[in-house]
Amino acid sequence: WSDGNTNASRTVTVTKAATYTATFAIDTHVLTVTSANTTMGTVT
């Protein structure tokens, strides 16, 4: 959230007018590329 809180669902106490903005990001995944035999060839 814009106040730094990292709980997606949270309880806030209302004491004044306030704005809470949620930031999202795209998921990332690890792509592992290997050679069965590095003597024979390499990968990138």
PDB file of all heavy atoms in Angstrom:
ATOM      1  N   TRP A   1       0.846  -1.186   0.000  1.00  0.00           N
ATOM      2  CA  TRP A   1       0.000   0.000   0.000  1.00  0.00           C
ATOM      3  C   TRP A   1       0.887   1.242   0.000  1.00  0.00           C
ATOM      4  O   TRP A   1       2.078   1.161   0.294  1.00  0.00           O
ATOM      5  CB  TRP A   1      -0.904   0.011   1.233  1.00  0.00           C
ATOM      6  CG  TRP A   1      -1.909  -1.102   1.264  1.00  0.00           C
ATOM      7  CD1 TRP A   1      -1.816  -2.269   1.950  1.00  0.00           C
ATOM      8  CD2 TRP A   1      -3.156  -1.149   0.555  1.00  0.00           C
ATOM      9  NE1 TRP A   1      -2.914  -3.054   1.718  1.00  0.00           N
ATOM     10  CE2 TRP A   1      -3.767  -2.386   0.870  1.00  0.00           C
ATOM     11  CE3 TRP A   1      -3.827  -0.267  -0.291  1.00  0.00           C
ATOM     12  CZ2 TRP A   1      -5.006  -2.764   0.375  1.00  0.00           C
ATOM     13  CZ3 TRP A   1      -5.066  -0.645  -0.795  1.00  0.00           C
ATOM     14  CH2 TRP A   1      -5.648  -1.870  -0.470  1.00  0.00           C
ATOM     15  N   SER A   2       0.299   2.358  -0.294  1.00  0.00           N
ATOM     16  CA  SER A   2       1.055   3.614  -0.387  1.00  0.00           C
ATOM     17  C   SER A   2       1.699   4.048   0.929  1.00  0.00           C
ATOM     18  O   SER A   2       2.628   4.846   0.936  1.00  0.00           O
ATOM     19  CB  SER A   2       0.151   4.743  -0.910  1.00  0.00           C
ATOM     20  OG  SER A   2      -1.084   4.761  -0.217  1.00  0.00           O
ATOM     21  N   ASP A   3       1.202   3.514   2.059  1.00  0.00           N
ATOM     22  CA  ASP A   3       1.824   3.849   3.347  1.00  0.00           C
ATOM     23  C   ASP A   3       2.895   2.848   3.741  1.00  0.00           C
ATOM     24  O   ASP A   3       3.414   2.873   4.858  1.00  0.00           O
ATOM     25  CB  ASP A   3       0.773   3.970   4.451  1.00  0.00           C
ATOM     26  CG  ASP A   3       0.032   2.649   4.700  1.00  0.00           C
ATOM     27  OD1 ASP A   3       0.243   1.698   3.923  1.00  0.00           O
ATOM     28  OD2 ASP A   3      -0.750   2.596   5.665  1.00  0.00           O
ATOM     29  N   GLY A   4       3.226   1.932   2.811  1.00  0.00           N
ATOM     30  CA  GLY A   4       4.291   0.971   3.059  1.00  0.00           C
ATOM     31  C   GLY A   4       3.832  -0.365   3.605  1.00  0.00           C
ATOM     32  O   GLY A   4       4.613  -1.319   3.660  1.00  0.00           O
ATOM     33  N   ASN A   5       2.582  -0.473   4.014  1.00  0.00           N
ATOM     34  CA  ASN A   5       2.064  -1.729   4.560  1.00  0.00           C
ATOM     35  C   ASN A   5       2.007  -2.791   3.463  1.00  0.00           C
ATOM     36  O   ASN A   5       1.562  -2.522   2.349  1.00  0.00           O
ATOM     37  CB  ASN A   5       0.673  -1.490   5.157  1.00  0.00           C
ATOM     38  CG  ASN A   5       0.158  -2.690   5.918  1.00  0.00           C
ATOM     39  OD1 ASN A   5      -0.142  -3.717   5.337  1.00  0.00           O
ATOM     40  ND2 ASN A   5       0.045  -2.547   7.235  1.00  0.00           N
ATOM     41  N   THR A   6       2.439  -4.010   3.815  1.00  0.00           N
ATOM     42  CA  THR A   6       2.527  -5.070   2.803  1.00  0.00           C
ATOM     43  C   THR A   6       1.468  -6.163   2.965  1.00  0.00           C
ATOM     44  O   THR A   6       1.571  -7.232   2.369  1.00  0.00           O
ATOM     45  CB  THR A   6       3.919  -5.719   2.838  1.00  0.00           C
ATOM     46  OG1 THR A   6       4.182  -6.194   4.172  1.00  0.00           O
ATOM     47  CG2 THR A   6       4.991  -4.723   2.434  1.00  0.00           C
ATOM     48  N   ASN A   7       0.446  -5.891   3.772  1.00  0.00           N
ATOM     49  CA  ASN A   7      -0.658  -6.838   3.928  1.00  0.00           C
ATOM     50  C   ASN A   7      -1.757  -6.502   2.928  1.00  0.00           C
ATOM     51  O   ASN A   7      -2.336  -5.410   2.980  1.00  0.00           O
ATOM     52  CB  ASN A   7      -1.214  -6.795   5.344  1.00  0.00           C
ATOM     53  CG  ASN A   7      -0.196  -7.241   6.378  1.00  0.00           C
ATOM     54  OD1 ASN A   7       0.406  -8.302   6.245  1.00  0.00           O
ATOM     55  ND2 ASN A   7       0.006  -6.437   7.406  1.00  0.00           N
ATOM     56  N   ALA A   8      -2.052  -7.432   2.040  1.00  0.00           N
ATOM     57  CA  ALA A   8      -3.058  -7.178   1.003  1.00  0.00           C
ATOM     58  C   ALA A   8      -4.427  -6.901   1.616  1.00  0.00           C
ATOM     59  O   ALA A   8      -5.177  -6.042   1.145  1.00  0.00           O
ATOM     60  CB  ALA A   8      -3.136  -8.361   0.050  1.00  0.00           C
ATOM     61  N   SER A   9      -4.755  -7.614   2.692  1.00  0.00           N
ATOM     62  CA  SER A   9      -6.012  -7.379   3.411  1.00  0.00           C
ATOM     63  C   SER A   9      -5.646  -6.886   4.799  1.00  0.00           C
ATOM     64  O   SER A   9      -4.887  -7.539   5.531  1.00  0.00           O
ATOM     65  CB  SER A   9      -6.830  -8.670   3.507  1.00  0.00           C
ATOM     66  OG  SER A   9      -8.043  -8.441   4.194  1.00  0.00           O
ATOM     67  N   ARG A  10      -6.190  -5.736   5.169  1.00  0.00           N
ATOM     68  CA  ARG A  10      -5.807  -5.139   6.448  1.00  0.00           C
ATOM     69  C   ARG A  10      -6.956  -4.312   7.009  1.00  0.00           C
ATOM     70  O   ARG A  10      -7.891  -3.949   6.294  1.00  0.00           O
ATOM     71  CB  ARG A  10      -4.587  -4.247   6.254  1.00  0.00           C
ATOM     72  CG  ARG A  10      -4.832  -3.133   5.256  1.00  0.00           C
ATOM     73  CD  ARG A  10      -3.594  -2.339   4.935  1.00  0.00           C
ATOM     74  NE  ARG A  10      -3.229  -1.430   6.004  1.00  0.00           N
ATOM     75  CZ  ARG A  10      -2.565  -0.277   5.811  1.00  0.00           C
ATOM     76  NH1 ARG A  10      -2.179   0.067   4.583  1.00  0.00           N
ATOM     77  NH2 ARG A  10      -2.262   0.486   6.807  1.00  0.00           N
ATOM     78  N   THR A  11      -6.873  -4.000   8.288  1.00  0.00           N
ATOM     79  CA  THR A  11      -7.875  -3.159   8.945  1.00  0.00           C
ATOM     80  C   THR A  11      -7.256  -1.820   9.285  1.00  0.00           C
ATOM     81  O   THR A  11      -6.154  -1.766   9.858  1.00  0.00           O
ATOM     82  CB  THR A  11      -8.408  -3.834  10.222  1.00  0.00           C
ATOM     83  OG1 THR A  11      -9.025  -5.077   9.873  1.00  0.00           O
ATOM     84  CG2 THR A  11      -9.433  -2.947  10.913  1.00  0.00           C
ATOM     85  N   VAL A  12      -7.946  -0.746   8.928  1.00  0.00           N
ATOM     86  CA  VAL A  12      -7.466   0.601   9.242  1.00  0.00           C
ATOM     87  C   VAL A  12      -8.494   1.305  10.113  1.00  0.00           C
ATOM     88  O   VAL A  12      -9.697   1.053  10.011  1.00  0.00           O
ATOM     89  CB  VAL A  12      -7.197   1.426   7.963  1.00  0.00           C
ATOM     90  CG1 VAL A  12      -6.080   0.808   7.145  1.00  0.00           C
ATOM     91  CG2 VAL A  12      -8.463   1.575   7.117  1.00  0.00           C
ATOM     92  N   THR A  13      -8.027   2.189  10.993  1.00  0.00           N
ATOM     93  CA  THR A  13      -8.910   2.969  11.861  1.00  0.00           C
ATOM     94  C   THR A  13      -9.075   4.362  11.265  1.00  0.00           C
ATOM     95  O   THR A  13      -8.090   5.037  10.957  1.00  0.00           O
ATOM     96  CB  THR A  13      -8.332   3.073  13.278  1.00  0.00           C
ATOM     97  OG1 THR A  13      -8.179   1.754  13.820  1.00  0.00           O
ATOM     98  CG2 THR A  13      -9.264   3.870  14.195  1.00  0.00           C
ATOM     99  N   VAL A  14     -10.306   4.785  11.098  1.00  0.00           N
ATOM    100  CA  VAL A  14     -10.602   6.065  10.444  1.00  0.00           C
ATOM    101  C   VAL A  14     -10.514   7.205  11.454  1.00  0.00           C
ATOM    102  O   VAL A  14     -11.320   7.294  12.384  1.00  0.00           O
ATOM    103  CB  VAL A  14     -12.003   6.040   9.808  1.00  0.00           C
ATOM    104  CG1 VAL A  14     -12.312   7.378   9.158  1.00  0.00           C
ATOM    105  CG2 VAL A  14     -12.107   4.912   8.796  1.00  0.00           C
ATOM    106  N   THR A  15      -9.522   8.085  11.272  1.00  0.00           N
ATOM    107  CA  THR A  15      -9.386   9.268  12.130  1.00  0.00           C
ATOM    108  C   THR A  15      -9.358  10.554  11.304  1.00  0.00           C
ATOM    109  O   THR A  15      -9.405  11.649  11.860  1.00  0.00           O
ATOM    110  CB  THR A  15      -8.105   9.195  12.971  1.00  0.00           C
ATOM    111  OG1 THR A  15      -6.970   9.058  12.106  1.00  0.00           O
ATOM    112  CG2 THR A  15      -8.150   8.006  13.928  1.00  0.00           C
ATOM    113  N   LYS A  16      -9.273  10.405   9.986  1.00  0.00           N
ATOM    114  CA  LYS A  16      -9.265  11.553   9.082  1.00  0.00           C
ATOM    115  C   LYS A  16      -9.453  11.033   7.662  1.00  0.00           C
ATOM    116  O   LYS A  16      -9.428   9.810   7.429  1.00  0.00           O
ATOM    117  CB  LYS A  16      -7.952  12.326   9.188  1.00  0.00           C
ATOM    118  CG  LYS A  16      -6.726  11.493   8.834  1.00  0.00           C
ATOM    119  CD  LYS A  16      -5.450  12.282   8.992  1.00  0.00           C
ATOM    120  CE  LYS A  16      -4.228  11.424   8.638  1.00  0.00           C
ATOM    121  NZ  LYS A  16      -2.965  12.191   8.790  1.00  0.00           N
ATOM    122  N   ALA A  17      -9.633  11.947   6.728  1.00  0.00           N
ATOM    123  CA  ALA A  17      -9.712  11.534   5.319  1.00  0.00           C
ATOM    124  C   ALA A  17      -8.356  10.950   4.912  1.00  0.00           C
ATOM    125  O   ALA A  17      -7.300  11.483   5.279  1.00  0.00           O
ATOM    126  CB  ALA A  17     -10.061  12.727   4.443  1.00  0.00           C
ATOM    127  N   ALA A  18      -8.388   9.847   4.184  1.00  0.00           N
ATOM    128  CA  ALA A  18      -7.133   9.192   3.805  1.00  0.00           C
ATOM    129  C   ALA A  18      -7.285   8.461   2.481  1.00  0.00           C
ATOM    130  O   ALA A  18      -8.393   8.062   2.103  1.00  0.00           O
ATOM    131  CB  ALA A  18      -6.698   8.216   4.890  1.00  0.00           C
ATOM    132  N   THR A  19      -6.156   8.298   1.809  1.00  0.00           N
ATOM    133  CA  THR A  19      -6.116   7.564   0.543  1.00  0.00           C
ATOM    134  C   THR A  19      -5.106   6.428   0.659  1.00  0.00           C
ATOM    135  O   THR A  19      -3.971   6.645   1.112  1.00  0.00           O
ATOM    136  CB  THR A  19      -5.731   8.481  -0.628  1.00  0.00           C
ATOM    137  OG1 THR A  19      -6.712   9.510  -0.769  1.00  0.00           O
ATOM    138  CG2 THR A  19      -5.634   7.700  -1.927  1.00  0.00           C
ATOM    139  N   TYR A  20      -5.528   5.239   0.273  1.00  0.00           N
ATOM    140  CA  TYR A  20      -4.644   4.071   0.262  1.00  0.00           C
ATOM    141  C   TYR A  20      -4.597   3.534  -1.168  1.00  0.00           C
ATOM    142  O   TYR A  20      -5.625   3.167  -1.723  1.00  0.00           O
ATOM    143  CB  TYR A  20      -5.168   2.984   1.206  1.00  0.00           C
ATOM    144  CG  TYR A  20      -5.169   3.409   2.655  1.00  0.00           C
ATOM    145  CD1 TYR A  20      -6.285   4.016   3.221  1.00  0.00           C
ATOM    146  CD2 TYR A  20      -4.045   3.218   3.463  1.00  0.00           C
ATOM    147  CE1 TYR A  20      -6.288   4.417   4.552  1.00  0.00           C
ATOM    148  CE2 TYR A  20      -4.038   3.614   4.785  1.00  0.00           C
ATOM    149  CZ  TYR A  20      -5.164   4.212   5.324  1.00  0.00           C
ATOM    150  OH  TYR A  20      -5.169   4.610   6.646  1.00  0.00           O
ATOM    151  N   THR A  21      -3.397   3.536  -1.731  1.00  0.00           N
ATOM    152  CA  THR A  21      -3.215   3.070  -3.108  1.00  0.00           C
ATOM    153  C   THR A  21      -2.432   1.762  -3.094  1.00  0.00           C
ATOM    154  O   THR A  21      -1.353   1.676  -2.491  1.00  0.00           O
ATOM    155  CB  THR A  21      -2.461   4.109  -3.951  1.00  0.00           C
ATOM    156  OG1 THR A  21      -3.197   5.343  -3.940  1.00  0.00           O
ATOM    157  CG2 THR A  21      -2.289   3.642  -5.390  1.00  0.00           C
ATOM    158  N   ALA A  22      -2.987   0.748  -3.759  1.00  0.00           N
ATOM    159  CA  ALA A  22      -2.340  -0.568  -3.824  1.00  0.00           C
ATOM    160  C   ALA A  22      -1.465  -0.665  -5.070  1.00  0.00           C
ATOM    161  O   ALA A  22      -1.899  -0.324  -6.168  1.00  0.00           O
ATOM    162  CB  ALA A  22      -3.390  -1.670  -3.840  1.00  0.00           C
ATOM    163  N   THR A  23      -0.244  -1.113  -4.850  1.00  0.00           N
ATOM    164  CA  THR A  23       0.684  -1.337  -5.962  1.00  0.00           C
ATOM    165  C   THR A  23       0.782  -2.836  -6.240  1.00  0.00           C
ATOM    166  O   THR A  23       0.905  -3.637  -5.312  1.00  0.00           O
ATOM    167  CB  THR A  23       2.079  -0.787  -5.626  1.00  0.00           C
ATOM    168  OG1 THR A  23       1.979   0.612  -5.349  1.00  0.00           O
ATOM    169  CG2 THR A  23       3.038  -0.990  -6.795  1.00  0.00           C
ATOM    170  N   PHE A  24       0.723  -3.174  -7.527  1.00  0.00           N
ATOM    171  CA  PHE A  24       0.852  -4.570  -7.963  1.00  0.00           C
ATOM    172  C   PHE A  24       2.066  -4.692  -8.886  1.00  0.00           C
ATOM    173  O   PHE A  24       2.580  -3.692  -9.391  1.00  0.00           O
ATOM    174  CB  PHE A  24      -0.402  -5.024  -8.712  1.00  0.00           C
ATOM    175  CG  PHE A  24      -1.663  -4.948  -7.896  1.00  0.00           C
ATOM    176  CD1 PHE A  24      -2.448  -3.798  -7.915  1.00  0.00           C
ATOM    177  CD2 PHE A  24      -2.060  -6.016  -7.112  1.00  0.00           C
ATOM    178  CE1 PHE A  24      -3.617  -3.724  -7.167  1.00  0.00           C
ATOM    179  CE2 PHE A  24      -3.230  -5.951  -6.360  1.00  0.00           C
ATOM    180  CZ  PHE A  24      -4.015  -4.792  -6.383  1.00  0.00           C
ATOM    181  N   ALA A  25       2.493  -5.909  -9.100  1.00  0.00           N
ATOM    182  CA  ALA A  25       3.600  -6.150 -10.042  1.00  0.00           C
ATOM    183  C   ALA A  25       3.342  -7.469 -10.759  1.00  0.00           C
ATOM    184  O   ALA A  25       2.621  -8.345 -10.251  1.00  0.00           O
ATOM    185  CB  ALA A  25       4.940  -6.186  -9.317  1.00  0.00           C
ATOM    186  N   ILE A  26       3.936  -7.604 -11.927  1.00  0.00           N
ATOM    187  CA  ILE A  26       3.769  -8.837 -12.695  1.00  0.00           C
ATOM    188  C   ILE A  26       4.561  -9.968 -12.047  1.00  0.00           C
ATOM    189  O   ILE A  26       5.614  -9.737 -11.436  1.00  0.00           O
ATOM    190  CB  ILE A  26       4.209  -8.624 -14.168  1.00  0.00           C
ATOM    191  CG1 ILE A  26       3.698  -9.759 -15.056  1.00  0.00           C
ATOM    192  CG2 ILE A  26       5.724  -8.451 -14.274  1.00  0.00           C
ATOM    193  CD1 ILE A  26       3.813  -9.467 -16.542  1.00  0.00           C
ATOM    194  N   ASP A  27       4.039 -11.182 -12.133  1.00  0.00           N
ATOM    195  CA  ASP A  27       4.758 -12.340 -11.597  1.00  0.00           C
ATOM    196  C   ASP A  27       6.008 -12.597 -12.427  1.00  0.00           C
ATOM    197  O   ASP A  27       6.039 -12.352 -13.640  1.00  0.00           O
ATOM    198  CB  ASP A  27       3.870 -13.593 -11.637  1.00  0.00           C
ATOM    199  CG  ASP A  27       2.716 -13.512 -10.650  1.00  0.00           C
ATOM    200  OD1 ASP A  27       2.762 -12.662  -9.735  1.00  0.00           O
ATOM    201  OD2 ASP A  27       1.757 -14.307 -10.812  1.00  0.00           O
ATOM    202  N   THR A  28       7.038 -13.090 -11.759  1.00  0.00           N
ATOM    203  CA  THR A  28       8.277 -13.470 -12.458  1.00  0.00           C
ATOM    204  C   THR A  28       8.551 -14.951 -12.209  1.00  0.00           C
ATOM    205  O   THR A  28       8.155 -15.497 -11.162  1.00  0.00           O
ATOM    206  CB  THR A  28       9.477 -12.635 -11.978  1.00  0.00           C
ATOM    207  OG1 THR A  28       9.644 -12.819 -10.561  1.00  0.00           O
ATOM    208  CG2 THR A  28       9.288 -11.165 -12.302  1.00  0.00           C
ATOM    209  N   HIS A  29       9.216 -15.574 -13.179  1.00  0.00           N
ATOM    210  CA  HIS A  29       9.510 -17.001 -13.072  1.00  0.00           C
ATOM    211  C   HIS A  29      10.948 -17.262 -13.513  1.00  0.00           C
ATOM    212  O   HIS A  29      11.490 -16.552 -14.370  1.00  0.00           O
ATOM    213  CB  HIS A  29       8.554 -17.817 -13.956  1.00  0.00           C
ATOM    214  CG  HIS A  29       7.108 -17.616 -13.565  1.00  0.00           C
ATOM    215  ND1 HIS A  29       6.535 -18.226 -12.494  1.00  0.00           N
ATOM    216  CD2 HIS A  29       6.135 -16.846 -14.134  1.00  0.00           C
ATOM    217  CE1 HIS A  29       5.269 -17.853 -12.390  1.00  0.00           C
ATOM    218  NE2 HIS A  29       4.998 -17.021 -13.391  1.00  0.00           N
ATOM    219  N   VAL A  30      11.527 -18.295 -12.925  1.00  0.00           N
ATOM    220  CA  VAL A  30      12.905 -18.667 -13.261  1.00  0.00           C
ATOM    221  C   VAL A  30      12.880 -19.661 -14.423  1.00  0.00           C
ATOM    222  O   VAL A  30      12.178 -20.681 -14.364  1.00  0.00           O
ATOM    223  CB  VAL A  30      13.630 -19.300 -12.060  1.00  0.00           C
ATOM    224  CG1 VAL A  30      15.022 -19.803 -12.480  1.00  0.00           C
ATOM    225  CG2 VAL A  30      13.723 -18.307 -10.927  1.00  0.00           C
ATOM    226  N   LEU A  31      13.612 -19.308 -15.461  1.00  0.00           N
ATOM    227  CA  LEU A  31      13.749 -20.196 -16.622  1.00  0.00           C
ATOM    228  C   LEU A  31      15.162 -20.784 -16.558  1.00  0.00           C
ATOM    229  O   LEU A  31      16.157 -20.058 -16.696  1.00  0.00           O
ATOM    230  CB  LEU A  31      13.554 -19.406 -17.924  1.00  0.00           C
ATOM    231  CG  LEU A  31      13.441 -20.227 -19.202  1.00  0.00           C
ATOM    232  CD1 LEU A  31      12.186 -21.098 -19.180  1.00  0.00           C
ATOM    233  CD2 LEU A  31      13.408 -19.305 -20.405  1.00  0.00           C
ATOM    234  N   THR A  32      15.243 -22.107 -16.325  1.00  0.00           N
ATOM    235  CA  THR A  32      16.550 -22.767 -16.196  1.00  0.00           C
ATOM    236  C   THR A  32      16.869 -23.494 -17.500  1.00  0.00           C
ATOM    237  O   THR A  32      16.069 -24.314 -17.984  1.00  0.00           O
ATOM    238  CB  THR A  32      16.532 -23.771 -15.026  1.00  0.00           C
ATOM    239  OG1 THR A  32      16.154 -23.070 -13.824  1.00  0.00           O
ATOM    240  CG2 THR A  32      17.900 -24.414 -14.847  1.00  0.00           C
ATOM    241  N   VAL A  33      17.998 -23.160 -18.073  1.00  0.00           N
ATOM    242  CA  VAL A  33      18.429 -23.781 -19.332  1.00  0.00           C
ATOM    243  C   VAL A  33      19.763 -24.479 -19.072  1.00  0.00           C
ATOM    244  O   VAL A  33      20.732 -23.843 -18.648  1.00  0.00           O
ATOM    245  CB  VAL A  33      18.590 -22.726 -20.448  1.00  0.00           C
ATOM    246  CG1 VAL A  33      18.940 -23.413 -21.774  1.00  0.00           C
ATOM    247  CG2 VAL A  33      17.304 -21.926 -20.595  1.00  0.00           C
ATOM    248  N   THR A  34      19.814 -25.806 -19.300  1.00  0.00           N
ATOM    249  CA  THR A  34      21.042 -26.561 -18.996  1.00  0.00           C
ATOM    250  C   THR A  34      21.470 -27.435 -20.175  1.00  0.00           C
ATOM    251  O   THR A  34      20.657 -27.760 -21.053  1.00  0.00           O
ATOM    252  CB  THR A  34      20.842 -27.470 -17.762  1.00  0.00           C
ATOM    253  OG1 THR A  34      19.829 -28.437 -18.056  1.00  0.00           O
ATOM    254  CG2 THR A  34      20.445 -26.659 -16.538  1.00  0.00           C
ATOM    255  N   SER A  35      22.689 -27.803 -20.141  1.00  0.00           N
ATOM    256  CA  SER A  35      23.245 -28.735 -21.143  1.00  0.00           C
ATOM    257  C   SER A  35      23.374 -30.100 -20.483  1.00  0.00           C
ATOM    258  O   SER A  35      23.868 -30.198 -19.357  1.00  0.00           O
ATOM    259  CB  SER A  35      24.630 -28.253 -21.596  1.00  0.00           C
ATOM    260  OG  SER A  35      25.289 -29.267 -22.349  1.00  0.00           O
ATOM    261  N   ALA A  36      22.929 -31.137 -21.188  1.00  0.00           N
ATOM    262  CA  ALA A  36      23.042 -32.493 -20.636  1.00  0.00           C
ATOM    263  C   ALA A  36      24.506 -32.910 -20.527  1.00  0.00           C
ATOM    264  O   ALA A  36      24.860 -33.761 -19.696  1.00  0.00           O
ATOM    265  CB  ALA A  36      22.276 -33.477 -21.505  1.00  0.00           C
ATOM    266  N   ASN A  37      25.337 -32.258 -21.362  1.00  0.00           N
ATOM    267  CA  ASN A  37      26.760 -32.592 -21.320  1.00  0.00           C
ATOM    268  C   ASN A  37      27.532 -31.374 -21.800  1.00  0.00           C
ATOM    269  O   ASN A  37      27.562 -31.073 -23.003  1.00  0.00           O
ATOM    270  CB  ASN A  37      27.059 -33.805 -22.213  1.00  0.00           C
ATOM    271  CG  ASN A  37      28.492 -34.299 -22.033  1.00  0.00           C
ATOM    272  OD1 ASN A  37      29.416 -33.518 -21.822  1.00  0.00           O
ATOM    273  ND2 ASN A  37      28.679 -35.616 -22.176  1.00  0.00           N
ATOM    274  N   THR A  38      28.102 -30.672 -20.868  1.00  0.00           N
ATOM    275  CA  THR A  38      28.792 -29.422 -21.211  1.00  0.00           C
ATOM    276  C   THR A  38      30.057 -29.671 -22.044  1.00  0.00           C
ATOM    277  O   THR A  38      30.591 -28.749 -22.642  1.00  0.00           O
ATOM    278  CB  THR A  38      29.168 -28.647 -19.929  1.00  0.00           C
ATOM    279  OG1 THR A  38      29.938 -29.512 -19.074  1.00  0.00           O
ATOM    280  CG2 THR A  38      27.917 -28.178 -19.213  1.00  0.00           C
ATOM    281  N   THR A  39      30.509 -30.932 -22.063  1.00  0.00           N
ATOM    282  CA  THR A  39      31.667 -31.256 -22.908  1.00  0.00           C
ATOM    283  C   THR A  39      31.257 -31.214 -24.376  1.00  0.00           C
ATOM    284  O   THR A  39      32.051 -30.894 -25.264  1.00  0.00           O
ATOM    285  CB  THR A  39      32.223 -32.643 -22.535  1.00  0.00           C
ATOM    286  OG1 THR A  39      32.614 -32.635 -21.167  1.00  0.00           O
ATOM    287  CG2 THR A  39      33.411 -33.022 -23.393  1.00  0.00           C
ATOM    288  N   MET A  40      30.010 -31.519 -24.601  1.00  0.00           N
ATOM    289  CA  MET A  40      29.513 -31.587 -25.973  1.00  0.00           C
ATOM    290  C   MET A  40      28.939 -30.244 -26.462  1.00  0.00           C
ATOM    291  O   MET A  40      28.911 -29.967 -27.659  1.00  0.00           O
ATOM    292  CB  MET A  40      28.426 -32.658 -26.070  1.00  0.00           C
ATOM    293  CG  MET A  40      28.929 -34.055 -25.798  1.00  0.00           C
ATOM    294  SD  MET A  40      27.580 -35.243 -25.994  1.00  0.00           S
ATOM    295  CE  MET A  40      28.446 -36.791 -25.745  1.00  0.00           C
ATOM    296  N   GLY A  41      28.432 -29.415 -25.516  1.00  0.00           N
ATOM    297  CA  GLY A  41      27.836 -28.149 -25.956  1.00  0.00           C
ATOM    298  C   GLY A  41      27.370 -27.295 -24.789  1.00  0.00           C
ATOM    299  O   GLY A  41      27.222 -27.762 -23.659  1.00  0.00           O
ATOM    300  N   THR A  42      27.131 -26.025 -25.097  1.00  0.00           N
ATOM    301  CA  THR A  42      26.681 -25.071 -24.072  1.00  0.00           C
ATOM    302  C   THR A  42      25.326 -24.484 -24.458  1.00  0.00           C
ATOM    303  O   THR A  42      24.885 -24.586 -25.607  1.00  0.00           O
ATOM    304  CB  THR A  42      27.705 -23.931 -23.910  1.00  0.00           C
ATOM    305  OG1 THR A  42      27.855 -23.281 -25.172  1.00  0.00           O
ATOM    306  CG2 THR A  42      29.052 -24.473 -23.440  1.00  0.00           C
ATOM    307  N   VAL A  43      24.717 -23.828 -23.447  1.00  0.00           N
ATOM    308  CA  VAL A  43      23.394 -23.222 -23.664  1.00  0.00           C
ATOM    309  C   VAL A  43      23.369 -21.809 -23.084  1.00  0.00           C
ATOM    310  O   VAL A  43      24.123 -21.476 -22.163  1.00  0.00           O
ATOM    311  CB  VAL A  43      22.279 -24.069 -23.008  1.00  0.00           C
ATOM    312  CG1 VAL A  43      22.145 -25.412 -23.709  1.00  0.00           C
ATOM    313  CG2 VAL A  43      22.536 -24.253 -21.518  1.00  0.00           C
ATOM    314  N   THR A  44      22.459 -20.996 -23.620  1.00  0.00           N
ATOM    315  CA  THR A  44      22.241 -19.637 -23.085  1.00  0.00           C
ATOM    316  C   THR A  44      20.739 -19.347 -23.075  1.00  0.00           C
ATOM    317  O   THR A  44      19.967 -19.995 -23.773  1.00  0.00           O
ATOM    318  CB  THR A  44      22.949 -18.571 -23.947  1.00  0.00           C
ATOM    319  OG1 THR A  44      22.440 -18.642 -25.291  1.00  0.00           O
ATOM    320  CG2 THR A  44      24.454 -18.770 -23.945  1.00  0.00           C
TER     321      THR A  44
END
